[in-house]
C-alpha cells in the first residue's frame, strides 16, 4: 500500500483528503475544549498558589478525549453515525437529531477546510517525510488560527511541539539544515520580540502577544531563516488589508485588538508550499 501511495499522486492526495476530514472533526474538539482546559488549569494553579479550597460546584476537568461529543443544547451524546465529517451535518440538515437545535456552521467548515488544505499539501509536496510532516503542521495551524480568532490565544501546547518538530525535522532530512533551522527559530522569535518591545516603548501599548513570536519561530525552524522576510511581508500585508477592511465596514473598532496569529499561519503555510516560486517570480518581474 505504501508503494502504491508513493507512485500514485492522485491516490495519495485522495487518501490525505479523507484523513483530513477525520482530523478536522477532531480539530473541532481541540478548538472548543483546549482553551477551556487551559483556563481550568490556570484556575487550579491560582487556587493552589493562594491556598484556596476547591470549588464544590466546579465541573470535572475535560480532556480532548473524554467526555464524548454532546449536543451543547440538550447534552445528548452524539452517536458515531451522526458524527461523520460534513456528511452527517448535511444529512441532519444542520440540526441535532434529538432536540433539533441548529448545529453551528463552523463544525463542517473546519472539517472541509482541513480536508482541502491537507489535499493541497499532499498534491504539492507528494508522499514522503516532509509531505507528511507538513500535513501535520497544517492541522496544527488550523487549530491555532481558529483558537486565536476566538480567544486571541496561541496555546503553547501546540506551538512548542510544532517548534521542536521543525528542529527535529531538520536533523532527519527536512528542507533546511539544522543550523538554518536553529537560526530561523531564534530570528523568528527575536524579530517580533523586538517589534513588540519597540512598539510598547513608543506607544505604551502591547501590539501583539508572545504566541505570535513562537509561531514565527515555528516557521523559522521549519523553513529556515531565509523564509522569514517573505512570511513577515505576506502576513503584514494580509493583516493590514483585512484589518482595514474590517474597520471600514464597522466590524472592527480602531481600538479593538485583532489576532495576528492567523495571518502568520497563512503566510507561513503559503511560503512552505510556494515560497521559492514567489521569490523567483518577484526576481524575474524585477529583472534581478
Protein backbone atom coordinates (compact mmCIF):
# COMPACT_ATOMS: atom_id res chain seq x y z
CA UNK A 1 0.00 0.00 0.00
CA UNK A 2 2.83 2.39 0.85
CA UNK A 3 4.48 1.72 -2.52
CA UNK A 4 1.18 2.48 -4.24
CA UNK A 5 0.85 5.79 -2.39
CA UNK A 6 4.42 6.66 -3.34
CA UNK A 7 3.81 6.06 -7.03
CA UNK A 8 0.29 7.45 -7.37
CA UNK A 9 -0.03 11.13 -6.52
CA UNK A 10 -3.83 11.19 -7.06
CA UNK A 11 -4.30 8.23 -4.70
CA UNK A 12 -2.06 9.81 -2.08
CA UNK A 13 -3.96 13.09 -2.36
CA UNK A 14 -7.36 11.39 -2.10
CA UNK A 15 -6.21 9.41 0.92
CA UNK A 16 -4.90 12.58 2.54
CA UNK A 17 -8.22 14.36 1.95
CA UNK A 18 -10.15 11.59 3.70
CA UNK A 19 -7.72 11.63 6.62
CA UNK A 20 -8.02 15.42 6.69
CA UNK A 21 -11.78 15.17 7.06
CA UNK A 22 -11.43 12.87 10.05
CA UNK A 23 -8.74 15.02 11.64
CA UNK A 24 -10.87 18.12 11.00
CA UNK A 25 -13.58 16.58 13.16
CA UNK A 26 -11.06 16.12 15.98
CA UNK A 27 -9.75 19.67 15.49
CA UNK A 28 -13.23 20.94 16.28
CA UNK A 29 -12.84 19.25 19.68
CA UNK A 30 -9.40 20.80 20.17
CA UNK A 31 -10.63 24.27 19.19
CA UNK A 32 -13.60 24.03 21.56
CA UNK A 33 -12.03 22.32 24.57
CA UNK A 34 -8.35 23.28 24.73
CA UNK A 35 -8.93 26.93 25.77
CA UNK A 36 -11.36 25.75 28.46
CA UNK A 37 -8.89 23.12 29.65
CA UNK A 38 -6.16 25.76 29.90
CA UNK A 39 -8.46 28.09 31.82
CA UNK A 40 -9.38 25.32 34.25
CA UNK A 41 -5.69 24.57 34.75
CA UNK A 42 -4.85 28.22 35.39
CA UNK A 43 -7.70 28.45 37.93
CA UNK A 44 -6.47 25.35 39.77
CA UNK A 45 -2.92 26.73 39.88
CA UNK A 46 -4.18 30.06 41.24
CA UNK A 47 -6.15 28.31 43.99
CA UNK A 48 -3.11 26.25 44.94
CA UNK A 49 -0.90 29.34 44.99
CA UNK A 50 -3.39 31.27 47.13
CA UNK A 51 -4.14 28.18 49.23
CA UNK A 52 -7.84 28.39 48.44
CA UNK A 53 -10.13 25.34 48.68
CA UNK A 54 -11.53 23.68 45.58
CA UNK A 55 -14.92 24.84 44.41
CA UNK A 56 -17.53 22.13 45.13
CA UNK A 57 -19.60 23.20 42.14
CA UNK A 58 -16.66 23.10 39.73
CA UNK A 59 -17.21 20.75 36.82
CA UNK A 60 -14.93 17.78 36.28
CA UNK A 61 -11.90 18.75 34.16
CA UNK A 62 -12.32 17.98 30.48
CA UNK A 63 -9.85 16.31 28.18
CA UNK A 64 -9.59 16.09 24.42
CA UNK A 65 -10.93 12.52 24.55
CA UNK A 66 -13.46 12.43 27.39
CA UNK A 67 -16.33 13.05 27.61
CA UNK A 68 -17.59 12.16 24.15
CA UNK A 69 -19.18 14.69 21.80
CA UNK A 70 -22.51 16.03 23.02
CA UNK A 71 -25.14 18.45 21.81
CA UNK A 72 -24.47 21.77 23.60
CA UNK A 73 -28.23 22.36 23.94
CA UNK A 74 -29.76 19.08 25.15
CA UNK A 75 -26.48 17.39 26.21
CA UNK A 76 -27.42 14.22 24.33
CA UNK A 77 -24.50 12.05 23.26
CA UNK A 78 -23.74 12.28 19.55
CA UNK A 79 -23.64 8.80 18.01
CA UNK A 80 -20.84 7.84 15.66
CA UNK A 81 -23.17 7.79 12.65
CA UNK A 82 -24.15 11.39 13.42
CA UNK A 83 -20.51 12.42 13.74
CA UNK A 84 -19.29 11.63 10.23
CA UNK A 85 -17.45 14.73 8.98
CA UNK A 86 -19.56 17.03 6.76
CA UNK A 87 -21.88 14.19 5.65
CA UNK A 88 -23.70 13.93 8.97
CA UNK A 89 -24.20 17.70 9.04
CA UNK A 90 -25.77 17.58 5.58
CA UNK A 91 -27.88 14.52 6.35
CA UNK A 92 -29.25 16.08 9.54
CA UNK A 93 -29.74 19.42 7.76
CA UNK A 94 -27.59 21.15 10.33
CA UNK A 95 -29.69 20.17 13.36
CA UNK A 96 -29.36 17.91 16.38
CA UNK A 97 -31.18 14.60 15.93
CA UNK A 98 -32.58 14.73 19.48
CA UNK A 99 -33.67 18.34 20.03
CA UNK A 100 -33.48 19.84 16.51
CA UNK A 101 -31.26 22.67 17.72
CA UNK A 102 -29.19 24.17 14.93
CA UNK A 103 -25.60 22.96 14.71
CA UNK A 104 -23.02 25.69 14.19
CA UNK A 105 -21.78 26.06 10.62
CA UNK A 106 -18.18 26.19 11.88
CA UNK A 107 -18.03 22.44 12.51
CA UNK A 108 -18.40 21.30 8.90
CA UNK A 109 -16.44 24.34 7.70
CA UNK A 110 -13.39 23.40 9.81
CA UNK A 111 -13.67 19.81 8.57
CA UNK A 112 -13.92 20.88 4.93
CA UNK A 113 -11.09 23.43 5.18
CA UNK A 114 -8.84 20.90 6.92
CA UNK A 115 -9.53 18.34 4.18
CA UNK A 116 -8.93 20.89 1.42
CA UNK A 117 -5.66 22.18 2.87
CA UNK A 118 -4.49 18.62 3.53
CA UNK A 119 -5.16 17.71 -0.09
CA UNK A 120 -3.28 20.77 -1.37
CA UNK A 121 -0.22 19.91 0.73
CA UNK A 122 -0.33 16.26 -0.33
CA UNK A 123 -0.54 17.21 -4.01
CA UNK A 124 2.13 19.89 -3.80
CA UNK A 125 4.72 18.02 -1.72
CA UNK A 126 3.93 14.41 -2.57
CA UNK A 127 4.34 11.33 -0.43
CA UNK A 128 7.34 11.48 1.89
CA UNK A 129 8.66 12.61 5.26
CA UNK A 130 8.38 16.33 4.65
CA UNK A 131 4.97 15.99 2.97
CA UNK A 132 3.56 14.07 5.94
CA UNK A 133 5.14 16.48 8.42
CA UNK A 134 3.77 19.47 6.51
CA UNK A 135 0.29 17.96 6.68
CA UNK A 136 0.60 17.61 10.46
CA UNK A 137 1.77 21.23 10.69
CA UNK A 138 -1.22 22.29 8.58
CA UNK A 139 -3.56 20.65 11.07
CA UNK A 140 -1.84 22.49 13.91
CA UNK A 141 -2.19 25.80 12.03
CA UNK A 142 -5.93 25.29 11.53
CA UNK A 143 -6.40 24.78 15.26
CA UNK A 144 -4.13 27.68 16.21
CA UNK A 145 -5.76 30.12 13.79
CA UNK A 146 -9.29 29.35 14.94
CA UNK A 147 -8.40 29.48 18.63
CA UNK A 148 -6.63 32.80 18.09
CA UNK A 149 -9.69 34.22 16.32
CA UNK A 150 -11.88 33.17 19.24
CA UNK A 151 -9.67 33.88 22.24
CA UNK A 152 -6.60 35.80 21.00
CA UNK A 153 -4.55 32.89 22.28
CA UNK A 154 -1.92 30.69 20.64
CA UNK A 155 -1.50 27.81 23.11
CA UNK A 156 1.99 26.61 23.96
CA UNK A 157 0.53 23.09 23.88
CA UNK A 158 0.53 23.41 20.08
CA UNK A 159 3.20 25.96 19.19
CA UNK A 160 6.04 24.45 21.22
CA UNK A 161 5.64 20.87 19.91
CA UNK A 162 5.48 22.32 16.39
CA UNK A 163 8.70 24.24 17.05
CA UNK A 164 10.52 21.16 18.31
CA UNK A 165 9.16 19.11 15.41
CA UNK A 166 10.65 21.61 12.94
CA UNK A 167 14.04 21.44 14.62
CA UNK A 168 13.92 17.64 14.70
CA UNK A 169 12.85 17.52 11.05
CA UNK A 170 15.97 19.44 10.05
CA UNK A 171 18.07 16.65 11.58
CA UNK A 172 16.04 13.90 9.89
CA UNK A 173 16.43 15.30 6.38
CA UNK A 174 13.98 18.19 6.12
CA UNK A 175 14.27 21.01 3.57
CA UNK A 176 16.68 23.09 5.69
CA UNK A 177 19.88 22.31 7.57
CA UNK A 178 19.93 22.11 11.38
CA UNK A 179 21.95 25.34 11.51
CA UNK A 180 19.41 27.22 9.37
CA UNK A 181 16.56 25.78 11.46
CA UNK A 182 18.09 26.88 14.76
CA UNK A 183 18.95 30.33 13.40
CA UNK A 184 15.46 30.58 11.87
CA UNK A 185 13.78 29.76 15.17
CA UNK A 186 15.88 32.30 17.04
CA UNK A 187 15.49 35.06 14.43
CA UNK A 188 11.76 34.38 14.05
CA UNK A 189 11.18 34.78 17.77
CA UNK A 190 13.51 37.71 18.35
CA UNK A 191 12.34 39.73 15.34
CA UNK A 192 8.78 40.03 16.63
CA UNK A 193 10.04 40.31 20.22
CA UNK A 194 11.98 43.43 19.22
CA UNK A 195 8.99 44.86 17.36
CA UNK A 196 6.79 44.17 20.39
CA UNK A 197 9.06 45.98 22.84
CA UNK A 198 9.80 48.82 20.43
CA UNK A 199 6.08 49.42 19.92
CA UNK A 200 5.48 49.28 23.67
CA UNK A 201 8.23 51.81 24.36
CA UNK A 202 6.82 54.22 21.77
CA UNK A 203 3.09 53.86 22.45
CA UNK A 204 2.89 52.33 25.93
CA UNK A 205 0.70 49.57 24.50
CA UNK A 206 1.28 45.92 23.64
CA UNK A 207 0.82 45.37 19.93
CA UNK A 208 0.90 41.56 19.88
CA UNK A 209 1.22 38.53 22.10
CA UNK A 210 4.11 36.21 22.86
CA UNK A 211 2.33 33.43 20.99
CA UNK A 212 2.96 35.33 17.75
CA UNK A 213 6.71 35.26 18.46
CA UNK A 214 6.59 31.50 18.96
CA UNK A 215 4.53 30.91 15.84
CA UNK A 216 7.02 32.81 13.68
CA UNK A 217 9.79 30.82 15.36
CA UNK A 218 7.96 27.66 14.26
CA UNK A 219 8.23 28.69 10.61
CA UNK A 220 11.84 29.71 11.11
CA UNK A 221 12.57 26.20 12.37
CA UNK A 222 10.65 24.52 9.54
CA UNK A 223 11.71 26.70 6.61
CA UNK A 224 14.92 28.36 7.76
CA UNK A 225 15.72 31.99 8.43
CA UNK A 226 15.72 32.72 4.68
CA UNK A 227 11.92 32.36 4.51
CA UNK A 228 11.18 34.80 7.33
CA UNK A 229 11.23 38.08 5.33
CA UNK A 230 8.62 36.69 2.93
CA UNK A 231 6.44 35.43 5.78
CA UNK A 232 6.62 38.73 7.65
CA UNK A 233 5.82 40.68 4.48
CA UNK A 234 2.88 38.46 3.49
CA UNK A 235 1.39 38.38 6.98
CA UNK A 236 1.71 42.15 7.39
CA UNK A 237 0.12 42.93 4.03
CA UNK A 238 -2.77 40.50 4.52
CA UNK A 239 -3.30 41.61 8.11
CA UNK A 240 -3.34 45.28 7.10
CA UNK A 241 -5.79 44.67 4.25
CA UNK A 242 -8.15 42.52 6.32
CA UNK A 243 -7.94 44.80 9.35
CA UNK A 244 -8.50 47.90 7.23
CA UNK A 245 -11.48 46.27 5.58
CA UNK A 246 -13.00 45.27 8.93
CA UNK A 247 -12.54 48.80 10.30
CA UNK A 248 -14.01 50.38 7.17
CA UNK A 249 -17.03 48.08 7.34
CA UNK A 250 -17.57 48.76 11.03
CA UNK A 251 -16.99 45.14 12.03
CA UNK A 252 -13.87 46.15 14.00
CA UNK A 253 -13.16 49.24 16.07
CA UNK A 254 -9.84 51.03 15.75
CA UNK A 255 -9.09 50.39 19.44
CA UNK A 256 -10.19 46.75 19.28
CA UNK A 257 -7.34 44.19 19.21
CA UNK A 258 -7.12 41.91 16.19
CA UNK A 259 -5.39 38.50 16.34
CA UNK A 260 -2.26 38.37 14.20
CA UNK A 261 -1.61 34.65 14.51
CA UNK A 262 -3.92 33.58 11.66
CA UNK A 263 -2.09 35.86 9.23
CA UNK A 264 1.30 34.50 10.29
CA UNK A 265 -0.10 30.99 9.90
CA UNK A 266 -1.49 31.70 6.42
CA UNK A 267 1.69 33.43 5.26
CA UNK A 268 3.90 30.63 6.62
CA UNK A 269 1.74 27.96 5.01
CA UNK A 270 1.93 29.72 1.64
CA UNK A 271 5.70 30.15 1.99
CA UNK A 272 6.05 26.45 2.82
CA UNK A 273 4.36 25.41 -0.42
CA UNK A 274 5.17 28.19 -2.88
CA UNK A 275 7.81 30.37 -1.22
CA UNK A 276 10.57 29.61 -3.73
CA UNK A 277 8.24 30.20 -6.69
CA UNK A 278 7.06 33.52 -5.23
CA UNK A 279 10.62 34.75 -4.68
CA UNK A 280 11.77 33.62 -8.13
CA UNK A 281 8.73 35.25 -9.71
CA UNK A 282 9.50 38.51 -7.93
CA UNK A 283 13.12 38.46 -9.08
CA UNK A 284 12.01 37.76 -12.66
CA UNK A 285 9.46 40.57 -12.51
CA UNK A 286 12.03 42.99 -11.07
CA UNK A 287 14.62 41.93 -13.65
CA UNK A 288 17.10 40.82 -11.00
